[in-house]
């Protein structure tokens, strides 16, 4: 392992708060999820587990894993959050986010693109495209895009970059 790196070659700090303690908590949380939310016997994912890892089976349909929300929610959430926090706070990689807002669906036509709760100032908009063309009407620090005044749906691509 190289000096200054931790597990999986990641920097030895806790991302948002630059703390070994928080980095340890993040690893423990991921390990808890992988150990207890995944149903290794029947496949799928438990929708709820107790603090000790025992599945919370209240309604009787948890083992069937038949609903769309139960089968995907925790997988989607963990994947999304792992990508956001790892890319921005640990490995310092940019990410592209895609939107296709309905016309007139945002107050004042402002699309807020912050991906999740991140430390203030930790990411900024590097570039925006509307329907594949460069677009300059955005506030990089406030993480907002002023949508064009149109009655058509537009495809918005926003590249966010870590700032420190």
N, C-alpha and C. Protein backbone atom coordinates (compact mmCIF):
# COMPACT_ATOMS: atom_id res chain seq x y z
N UNK A 1 0.84 -1.16 0.00
CA UNK A 1 0.00 0.00 0.00
C UNK A 1 0.89 1.23 0.00
N UNK A 2 0.63 2.16 -0.88
CA UNK A 2 1.43 3.37 -0.98
C UNK A 2 1.20 4.26 0.23
N UNK A 3 2.21 5.03 0.58
CA UNK A 3 2.07 5.97 1.70
C UNK A 3 0.95 6.95 1.40
N UNK A 4 0.14 7.22 2.41
CA UNK A 4 -0.95 8.18 2.24
C UNK A 4 -2.21 7.60 1.64
N UNK A 5 -2.22 6.29 1.39
CA UNK A 5 -3.44 5.69 0.86
C UNK A 5 -3.96 4.65 1.82
N UNK A 6 -5.26 4.45 1.77
CA UNK A 6 -5.91 3.48 2.64
C UNK A 6 -6.40 2.30 1.84
N UNK A 7 -7.50 1.69 2.30
CA UNK A 7 -8.08 0.54 1.60
C UNK A 7 -8.43 0.89 0.17
N UNK A 8 -8.25 -0.04 -0.72
CA UNK A 8 -8.60 0.10 -2.13
C UNK A 8 -7.83 1.23 -2.81
N UNK A 9 -6.69 1.65 -2.23
CA UNK A 9 -5.89 2.71 -2.83
C UNK A 9 -6.49 4.09 -2.67
N UNK A 10 -7.51 4.23 -1.82
CA UNK A 10 -8.14 5.54 -1.61
C UNK A 10 -7.30 6.35 -0.64
N UNK A 11 -7.34 7.66 -0.72
CA UNK A 11 -6.61 8.50 0.22
C UNK A 11 -7.04 8.20 1.65
N UNK A 12 -6.12 8.34 2.57
CA UNK A 12 -6.39 8.06 3.98
C UNK A 12 -7.05 9.25 4.67
N UNK A 13 -8.24 9.61 4.27
CA UNK A 13 -9.00 10.64 4.97
C UNK A 13 -10.48 10.37 4.80
N UNK A 14 -11.29 11.11 5.53
CA UNK A 14 -12.72 10.84 5.56
C UNK A 14 -13.55 11.68 4.64
N UNK A 15 -13.05 12.08 3.51
CA UNK A 15 -13.86 12.80 2.54
C UNK A 15 -14.24 14.18 2.99
N UNK A 16 -15.49 14.37 3.36
CA UNK A 16 -16.01 15.69 3.66
C UNK A 16 -15.30 16.37 4.81
N UNK A 17 -14.98 15.65 5.85
CA UNK A 17 -14.40 16.27 7.04
C UNK A 17 -12.93 15.94 7.22
N UNK A 18 -12.32 15.30 6.24
CA UNK A 18 -10.90 15.00 6.25
C UNK A 18 -10.48 14.37 7.57
N UNK A 19 -11.21 13.32 7.95
CA UNK A 19 -10.99 12.68 9.24
C UNK A 19 -10.94 11.17 9.07
N UNK A 20 -9.89 10.57 9.64
CA UNK A 20 -9.78 9.12 9.60
C UNK A 20 -10.99 8.46 10.25
N UNK A 21 -11.52 9.08 11.30
CA UNK A 21 -12.68 8.52 12.00
C UNK A 21 -13.88 8.42 11.07
N UNK A 22 -14.15 9.46 10.29
CA UNK A 22 -15.30 9.44 9.39
C UNK A 22 -15.07 8.48 8.22
N UNK A 23 -13.84 8.37 7.78
CA UNK A 23 -13.54 7.40 6.73
C UNK A 23 -13.82 5.99 7.25
N UNK A 24 -13.44 5.73 8.50
CA UNK A 24 -13.71 4.42 9.12
C UNK A 24 -15.22 4.19 9.20
N UNK A 25 -15.98 5.22 9.61
CA UNK A 25 -17.44 5.09 9.69
C UNK A 25 -18.04 4.77 8.32
N UNK A 26 -17.52 5.40 7.28
CA UNK A 26 -18.03 5.14 5.93
C UNK A 26 -17.77 3.70 5.53
N UNK A 27 -16.57 3.20 5.79
CA UNK A 27 -16.26 1.80 5.47
C UNK A 27 -17.15 0.85 6.27
N UNK A 28 -17.37 1.18 7.56
CA UNK A 28 -18.22 0.32 8.39
C UNK A 28 -19.66 0.32 7.90
N UNK A 29 -20.16 1.49 7.49
CA UNK A 29 -21.54 1.56 6.99
C UNK A 29 -21.69 0.74 5.72
N UNK A 30 -20.72 0.84 4.81
CA UNK A 30 -20.78 0.04 3.58
C UNK A 30 -20.69 -1.45 3.91
N UNK A 31 -19.86 -1.80 4.87
CA UNK A 31 -19.73 -3.21 5.27
C UNK A 31 -21.03 -3.71 5.89
N UNK A 32 -21.68 -2.88 6.71
CA UNK A 32 -22.96 -3.27 7.32
C UNK A 32 -24.00 -3.52 6.23
N UNK A 33 -24.08 -2.61 5.28
CA UNK A 33 -25.04 -2.79 4.18
C UNK A 33 -24.78 -4.10 3.46
N UNK A 34 -23.53 -4.31 3.07
CA UNK A 34 -23.18 -5.51 2.30
C UNK A 34 -23.38 -6.78 3.11
N UNK A 35 -23.20 -6.71 4.43
CA UNK A 35 -23.35 -7.90 5.27
C UNK A 35 -24.81 -8.22 5.58
N UNK A 36 -25.66 -7.20 5.74
CA UNK A 36 -27.00 -7.43 6.27
C UNK A 36 -28.16 -7.11 5.32
N UNK A 37 -28.04 -6.16 4.41
CA UNK A 37 -29.16 -5.84 3.53
C UNK A 37 -29.27 -6.82 2.36
N UNK A 38 -28.17 -7.42 1.97
CA UNK A 38 -28.21 -8.37 0.86
C UNK A 38 -28.70 -9.72 1.35
N UNK A 39 -29.70 -10.26 0.70
CA UNK A 39 -30.23 -11.57 1.05
C UNK A 39 -29.45 -12.61 0.24
N UNK A 40 -28.46 -13.19 0.87
CA UNK A 40 -27.59 -14.12 0.17
C UNK A 40 -28.21 -15.49 -0.02
N UNK A 41 -29.28 -15.80 0.73
CA UNK A 41 -29.94 -17.10 0.59
C UNK A 41 -30.92 -17.12 -0.58
N UNK A 42 -31.78 -16.12 -0.66
CA UNK A 42 -32.82 -16.10 -1.68
C UNK A 42 -32.58 -15.06 -2.76
N UNK A 43 -31.52 -14.30 -2.63
CA UNK A 43 -31.26 -13.23 -3.59
C UNK A 43 -32.07 -12.00 -3.27
N UNK A 44 -31.68 -10.90 -3.78
CA UNK A 44 -32.39 -9.66 -3.56
C UNK A 44 -31.85 -8.88 -2.38
N UNK A 45 -32.67 -7.99 -1.89
CA UNK A 45 -32.25 -7.06 -0.85
C UNK A 45 -33.37 -6.94 0.17
N UNK A 46 -32.99 -6.98 1.44
CA UNK A 46 -33.98 -6.71 2.48
C UNK A 46 -34.29 -5.22 2.47
N UNK A 47 -35.56 -4.88 2.55
CA UNK A 47 -35.96 -3.48 2.50
C UNK A 47 -35.63 -2.78 3.80
N UNK A 48 -35.74 -3.46 4.92
CA UNK A 48 -35.43 -2.91 6.24
C UNK A 48 -34.69 -3.95 7.07
N UNK A 49 -33.73 -3.49 7.84
CA UNK A 49 -33.09 -4.35 8.83
C UNK A 49 -33.00 -3.58 10.14
N UNK A 50 -32.96 -4.33 11.24
CA UNK A 50 -32.78 -3.71 12.54
C UNK A 50 -31.31 -3.34 12.72
N UNK A 51 -31.00 -2.58 13.76
CA UNK A 51 -29.62 -2.14 14.02
C UNK A 51 -28.66 -3.31 14.16
N UNK A 52 -29.16 -4.47 14.61
CA UNK A 52 -28.28 -5.63 14.77
C UNK A 52 -28.18 -6.47 13.50
N UNK A 53 -28.83 -5.99 12.40
CA UNK A 53 -28.73 -6.69 11.12
C UNK A 53 -29.83 -7.69 10.84
N UNK A 54 -30.69 -7.97 11.81
CA UNK A 54 -31.77 -8.93 11.59
C UNK A 54 -32.82 -8.28 10.69
N UNK A 55 -33.24 -8.96 9.62
CA UNK A 55 -34.25 -8.37 8.73
C UNK A 55 -35.55 -8.08 9.48
N UNK A 56 -36.13 -6.92 9.19
CA UNK A 56 -37.40 -6.53 9.77
C UNK A 56 -38.49 -7.00 8.81
N UNK A 57 -39.19 -8.05 9.20
CA UNK A 57 -40.18 -8.69 8.33
C UNK A 57 -41.57 -8.47 8.92
N UNK A 58 -42.11 -7.28 8.73
CA UNK A 58 -43.37 -6.93 9.37
C UNK A 58 -44.60 -7.33 8.57
N UNK A 59 -44.56 -7.12 7.27
CA UNK A 59 -45.78 -7.28 6.48
C UNK A 59 -45.93 -8.62 5.81
N UNK A 60 -44.96 -9.47 5.89
CA UNK A 60 -45.08 -10.78 5.30
C UNK A 60 -44.66 -10.86 3.85
N UNK A 61 -44.50 -9.73 3.16
CA UNK A 61 -44.12 -9.79 1.75
C UNK A 61 -42.64 -9.45 1.54
N UNK A 62 -41.90 -9.24 2.62
CA UNK A 62 -40.50 -8.87 2.47
C UNK A 62 -39.67 -9.97 1.82
N UNK A 63 -39.96 -11.24 2.13
CA UNK A 63 -39.19 -12.34 1.56
C UNK A 63 -39.50 -12.51 0.07
N UNK A 64 -40.69 -12.14 -0.35
CA UNK A 64 -41.04 -12.30 -1.76
C UNK A 64 -40.30 -11.29 -2.63
N UNK A 65 -39.94 -10.17 -2.06
CA UNK A 65 -39.21 -9.13 -2.79
C UNK A 65 -39.90 -8.79 -4.11
N UNK A 66 -41.21 -8.72 -4.07
CA UNK A 66 -41.95 -8.56 -5.30
C UNK A 66 -42.19 -7.14 -5.74
N UNK A 67 -42.00 -6.17 -4.86
CA UNK A 67 -42.31 -4.82 -5.29
C UNK A 67 -41.07 -4.15 -5.87
N UNK A 68 -41.32 -3.21 -6.75
CA UNK A 68 -40.21 -2.50 -7.38
C UNK A 68 -39.40 -1.71 -6.36
N UNK A 69 -40.09 -1.15 -5.37
CA UNK A 69 -39.36 -0.34 -4.39
C UNK A 69 -38.47 -1.20 -3.50
N UNK A 70 -38.97 -2.34 -3.10
CA UNK A 70 -38.18 -3.20 -2.22
C UNK A 70 -36.98 -3.77 -2.94
N UNK A 71 -37.12 -4.12 -4.18
CA UNK A 71 -36.02 -4.78 -4.88
C UNK A 71 -34.92 -3.81 -5.30
N UNK A 72 -35.24 -2.55 -5.43
CA UNK A 72 -34.24 -1.64 -5.93
C UNK A 72 -33.78 -0.53 -5.04
N UNK A 73 -34.63 -0.11 -4.12
CA UNK A 73 -34.37 1.14 -3.39
C UNK A 73 -32.98 1.21 -2.79
N UNK A 74 -32.60 0.25 -1.98
CA UNK A 74 -31.32 0.33 -1.30
C UNK A 74 -30.15 0.16 -2.27
N UNK A 75 -30.31 -0.65 -3.27
CA UNK A 75 -29.24 -0.81 -4.27
C UNK A 75 -29.00 0.49 -5.01
N UNK A 76 -30.08 1.12 -5.48
CA UNK A 76 -29.94 2.37 -6.23
C UNK A 76 -29.34 3.46 -5.34
N UNK A 77 -29.86 3.56 -4.13
CA UNK A 77 -29.39 4.61 -3.23
C UNK A 77 -27.91 4.42 -2.89
N UNK A 78 -27.53 3.21 -2.54
CA UNK A 78 -26.13 2.96 -2.18
C UNK A 78 -25.22 3.21 -3.37
N UNK A 79 -25.60 2.76 -4.53
CA UNK A 79 -24.77 2.96 -5.72
C UNK A 79 -24.61 4.45 -6.01
N UNK A 80 -25.70 5.19 -5.98
CA UNK A 80 -25.66 6.63 -6.25
C UNK A 80 -24.79 7.35 -5.23
N UNK A 81 -25.06 7.11 -3.96
CA UNK A 81 -24.30 7.81 -2.92
C UNK A 81 -22.83 7.41 -2.94
N UNK A 82 -22.55 6.15 -3.18
CA UNK A 82 -21.15 5.72 -3.24
C UNK A 82 -20.44 6.42 -4.39
N UNK A 83 -21.09 6.53 -5.53
CA UNK A 83 -20.47 7.21 -6.67
C UNK A 83 -20.26 8.69 -6.37
N UNK A 84 -21.27 9.37 -5.84
CA UNK A 84 -21.17 10.80 -5.55
C UNK A 84 -20.07 11.07 -4.53
N UNK A 85 -20.14 10.42 -3.40
CA UNK A 85 -19.19 10.72 -2.33
C UNK A 85 -17.78 10.25 -2.68
N UNK A 86 -17.64 9.09 -3.29
CA UNK A 86 -16.31 8.62 -3.65
C UNK A 86 -15.68 9.52 -4.71
N UNK A 87 -16.43 9.81 -5.77
CA UNK A 87 -15.87 10.62 -6.85
C UNK A 87 -15.54 12.04 -6.41
N UNK A 88 -16.41 12.67 -5.67
CA UNK A 88 -16.18 14.07 -5.31
C UNK A 88 -15.27 14.24 -4.09
N UNK A 89 -15.45 13.40 -3.09
CA UNK A 89 -14.75 13.66 -1.83
C UNK A 89 -13.50 12.82 -1.62
N UNK A 90 -13.40 11.69 -2.29
CA UNK A 90 -12.26 10.81 -2.04
C UNK A 90 -11.29 10.81 -3.23
N UNK A 91 -11.78 10.37 -4.41
CA UNK A 91 -10.88 10.25 -5.56
C UNK A 91 -10.78 11.52 -6.38
N UNK A 92 -11.65 12.50 -6.10
CA UNK A 92 -11.61 13.82 -6.77
C UNK A 92 -11.81 13.73 -8.28
N UNK A 93 -12.80 12.94 -8.70
CA UNK A 93 -13.13 12.81 -10.12
C UNK A 93 -14.39 13.60 -10.45
N UNK A 94 -14.48 14.16 -11.65
CA UNK A 94 -15.72 14.84 -12.07
C UNK A 94 -16.82 13.82 -12.36
N UNK A 95 -18.05 14.31 -12.39
CA UNK A 95 -19.20 13.47 -12.73
C UNK A 95 -20.13 14.26 -13.64
N UNK A 96 -20.78 13.55 -14.56
CA UNK A 96 -21.80 14.15 -15.41
C UNK A 96 -23.18 13.75 -14.91
N UNK A 97 -24.08 14.73 -14.87
CA UNK A 97 -25.47 14.50 -14.46
C UNK A 97 -26.37 14.94 -15.60
N UNK A 98 -27.44 14.18 -15.81
CA UNK A 98 -28.34 14.42 -16.94
C UNK A 98 -29.75 14.70 -16.44
N UNK A 99 -30.39 15.68 -17.07
CA UNK A 99 -31.74 16.09 -16.69
C UNK A 99 -32.55 16.30 -17.97
N UNK A 100 -33.86 16.12 -17.85
CA UNK A 100 -34.77 16.42 -18.96
C UNK A 100 -36.04 17.03 -18.35
N UNK A 101 -35.91 18.29 -17.89
CA UNK A 101 -37.02 18.91 -17.18
C UNK A 101 -38.20 19.25 -18.10
N UNK A 102 -39.38 19.20 -17.51
CA UNK A 102 -40.57 19.64 -18.22
C UNK A 102 -40.55 21.17 -18.33
N UNK A 103 -41.05 21.72 -19.43
CA UNK A 103 -41.10 23.18 -19.56
C UNK A 103 -41.91 23.79 -18.41
N UNK A 104 -41.44 24.91 -17.91
CA UNK A 104 -42.11 25.67 -16.85
C UNK A 104 -42.32 24.88 -15.56
N UNK A 105 -41.47 23.91 -15.31
CA UNK A 105 -41.66 23.08 -14.12
C UNK A 105 -40.81 23.51 -12.93
N UNK A 106 -39.97 24.54 -13.10
CA UNK A 106 -39.14 25.03 -12.00
C UNK A 106 -39.40 26.51 -11.79
N UNK A 107 -39.56 26.92 -10.54
CA UNK A 107 -39.76 28.36 -10.27
C UNK A 107 -38.62 29.17 -10.87
N UNK A 108 -38.96 30.22 -11.60
CA UNK A 108 -37.98 31.10 -12.23
C UNK A 108 -37.08 30.39 -13.22
N UNK A 109 -37.42 29.17 -13.62
CA UNK A 109 -36.63 28.45 -14.60
C UNK A 109 -35.25 28.04 -14.11
N UNK A 110 -35.09 27.91 -12.80
CA UNK A 110 -33.79 27.58 -12.23
C UNK A 110 -33.74 26.10 -11.86
N UNK A 111 -32.81 25.40 -12.48
CA UNK A 111 -32.57 23.99 -12.20
C UNK A 111 -31.42 23.89 -11.21
N UNK A 112 -31.70 23.34 -10.04
CA UNK A 112 -30.66 23.15 -9.02
C UNK A 112 -30.07 21.76 -9.20
N UNK A 113 -28.75 21.68 -9.34
CA UNK A 113 -28.13 20.43 -9.75
C UNK A 113 -27.21 19.82 -8.69
N UNK A 114 -27.23 20.33 -7.47
CA UNK A 114 -26.42 19.72 -6.42
C UNK A 114 -26.89 18.27 -6.25
N UNK A 115 -25.99 17.29 -6.34
CA UNK A 115 -26.41 15.90 -6.35
C UNK A 115 -26.88 15.37 -5.01
N UNK A 116 -26.42 15.89 -3.93
CA UNK A 116 -26.81 15.43 -2.60
C UNK A 116 -26.18 16.36 -1.59
N UNK A 117 -26.36 16.07 -0.34
CA UNK A 117 -25.80 16.92 0.69
C UNK A 117 -24.29 16.73 0.70
N UNK A 118 -23.59 17.73 0.22
CA UNK A 118 -22.13 17.74 0.19
C UNK A 118 -21.66 18.97 0.96
N UNK A 119 -20.43 18.96 1.43
CA UNK A 119 -19.93 20.15 2.12
C UNK A 119 -20.02 21.37 1.21
N UNK A 120 -20.43 22.51 1.74
CA UNK A 120 -20.53 23.72 0.91
C UNK A 120 -19.19 24.00 0.21
N UNK A 121 -19.28 24.30 -1.08
CA UNK A 121 -18.10 24.64 -1.85
C UNK A 121 -17.25 23.47 -2.28
N UNK A 122 -17.68 22.24 -2.04
CA UNK A 122 -16.86 21.08 -2.39
C UNK A 122 -16.96 20.70 -3.86
N UNK A 123 -18.01 21.15 -4.55
CA UNK A 123 -18.15 20.89 -5.98
C UNK A 123 -18.60 22.17 -6.67
N UNK A 124 -18.35 22.22 -7.97
CA UNK A 124 -18.78 23.36 -8.78
C UNK A 124 -19.16 22.84 -10.17
N UNK A 125 -19.94 23.62 -10.88
CA UNK A 125 -20.27 23.28 -12.26
C UNK A 125 -19.08 23.66 -13.13
N UNK A 126 -18.59 22.71 -13.92
CA UNK A 126 -17.51 22.97 -14.86
C UNK A 126 -18.06 23.36 -16.23
N UNK A 127 -19.16 22.68 -16.63
CA UNK A 127 -19.74 22.97 -17.94
C UNK A 127 -21.18 22.48 -17.99
N UNK A 128 -21.92 23.05 -18.93
CA UNK A 128 -23.32 22.67 -19.15
C UNK A 128 -23.54 22.56 -20.65
N UNK A 129 -24.33 21.57 -21.04
CA UNK A 129 -24.79 21.45 -22.42
C UNK A 129 -26.31 21.38 -22.41
N UNK A 130 -26.92 22.03 -23.37
CA UNK A 130 -28.36 21.93 -23.60
C UNK A 130 -28.52 21.33 -25.00
N UNK A 131 -29.21 20.20 -25.07
CA UNK A 131 -29.41 19.49 -26.34
C UNK A 131 -28.09 19.32 -27.10
N UNK A 132 -27.03 18.99 -26.36
CA UNK A 132 -25.74 18.69 -26.97
C UNK A 132 -24.88 19.90 -27.32
N UNK A 133 -25.37 21.11 -27.04
CA UNK A 133 -24.62 22.33 -27.37
C UNK A 133 -24.13 23.00 -26.09
N UNK A 134 -22.92 23.56 -26.10
CA UNK A 134 -22.43 24.28 -24.91
C UNK A 134 -23.41 25.37 -24.49
N UNK A 135 -23.56 25.54 -23.19
CA UNK A 135 -24.52 26.49 -22.64
C UNK A 135 -23.83 27.22 -21.49
N UNK A 136 -23.95 28.51 -21.44
CA UNK A 136 -23.18 29.31 -20.48
C UNK A 136 -24.01 29.95 -19.37
N UNK A 137 -25.33 29.79 -19.39
CA UNK A 137 -26.16 30.48 -18.41
C UNK A 137 -26.32 29.62 -17.14
N UNK A 138 -25.25 29.58 -16.34
CA UNK A 138 -25.28 28.82 -15.09
C UNK A 138 -24.41 29.52 -14.05
N UNK A 139 -24.66 29.19 -12.80
CA UNK A 139 -23.86 29.71 -11.69
C UNK A 139 -23.07 28.54 -11.13
N UNK A 140 -21.77 28.53 -11.41
CA UNK A 140 -20.91 27.39 -11.06
C UNK A 140 -20.88 27.14 -9.56
N UNK A 141 -20.86 28.18 -8.76
CA UNK A 141 -20.74 28.02 -7.31
C UNK A 141 -22.08 27.70 -6.64
N UNK A 142 -23.16 28.27 -7.14
CA UNK A 142 -24.49 28.01 -6.57
C UNK A 142 -25.10 26.72 -7.09
N UNK A 143 -24.45 26.11 -8.08
CA UNK A 143 -24.90 24.84 -8.66
C UNK A 143 -26.30 24.96 -9.25
N UNK A 144 -26.50 26.04 -10.01
CA UNK A 144 -27.79 26.26 -10.65
C UNK A 144 -27.60 26.52 -12.14
N UNK A 145 -28.62 26.11 -12.90
CA UNK A 145 -28.66 26.36 -14.34
C UNK A 145 -29.94 27.12 -14.63
N UNK A 146 -29.82 28.27 -15.32
CA UNK A 146 -30.99 29.01 -15.77
C UNK A 146 -31.47 28.35 -17.05
N UNK A 147 -32.60 27.68 -16.98
CA UNK A 147 -33.11 26.96 -18.15
C UNK A 147 -33.55 27.93 -19.23
N UNK A 148 -33.39 27.54 -20.49
CA UNK A 148 -33.86 28.41 -21.57
C UNK A 148 -35.38 28.51 -21.56
N UNK A 149 -35.88 29.62 -22.01
CA UNK A 149 -37.33 29.85 -22.07
C UNK A 149 -37.87 29.16 -23.32
N UNK A 150 -38.40 27.96 -23.13
CA UNK A 150 -38.91 27.17 -24.25
C UNK A 150 -40.08 26.33 -23.78
N UNK A 151 -40.93 25.96 -24.72
CA UNK A 151 -42.05 25.08 -24.41
C UNK A 151 -41.72 23.62 -24.73
N UNK A 152 -40.49 23.37 -25.17
CA UNK A 152 -40.03 22.03 -25.48
C UNK A 152 -39.18 21.50 -24.34
N UNK A 153 -39.19 20.18 -24.16
CA UNK A 153 -38.27 19.58 -23.19
C UNK A 153 -36.86 19.64 -23.75
N UNK A 154 -35.93 19.99 -22.91
CA UNK A 154 -34.53 20.04 -23.33
C UNK A 154 -33.74 18.99 -22.55
N UNK A 155 -32.67 18.52 -23.16
CA UNK A 155 -31.75 17.60 -22.49
C UNK A 155 -30.61 18.43 -21.91
N UNK A 156 -30.42 18.31 -20.61
CA UNK A 156 -29.41 19.09 -19.92
C UNK A 156 -28.33 18.15 -19.39
N UNK A 157 -27.09 18.44 -19.75
CA UNK A 157 -25.95 17.69 -19.23
C UNK A 157 -25.11 18.68 -18.42
N UNK A 158 -24.84 18.30 -17.16
CA UNK A 158 -24.07 19.16 -16.27
C UNK A 158 -22.86 18.38 -15.78
N UNK A 159 -21.68 18.94 -15.98
CA UNK A 159 -20.45 18.32 -15.44
C UNK A 159 -20.09 19.06 -14.16
N UNK A 160 -20.05 18.28 -13.06
CA UNK A 160 -19.63 18.81 -11.77
C UNK A 160 -18.21 18.33 -11.49
N UNK A 161 -17.43 19.20 -10.86
CA UNK A 161 -16.06 18.86 -10.51
C UNK A 161 -15.82 19.15 -9.03
N UNK A 162 -14.97 18.35 -8.40
CA UNK A 162 -14.59 18.65 -7.02
C UNK A 162 -13.73 19.91 -7.01
N UNK A 163 -13.86 20.72 -5.98
CA UNK A 163 -13.12 21.98 -5.94
C UNK A 163 -11.90 21.92 -5.02
N UNK A 164 -11.82 20.95 -4.15
CA UNK A 164 -10.62 20.81 -3.33
C UNK A 164 -10.40 19.38 -2.93
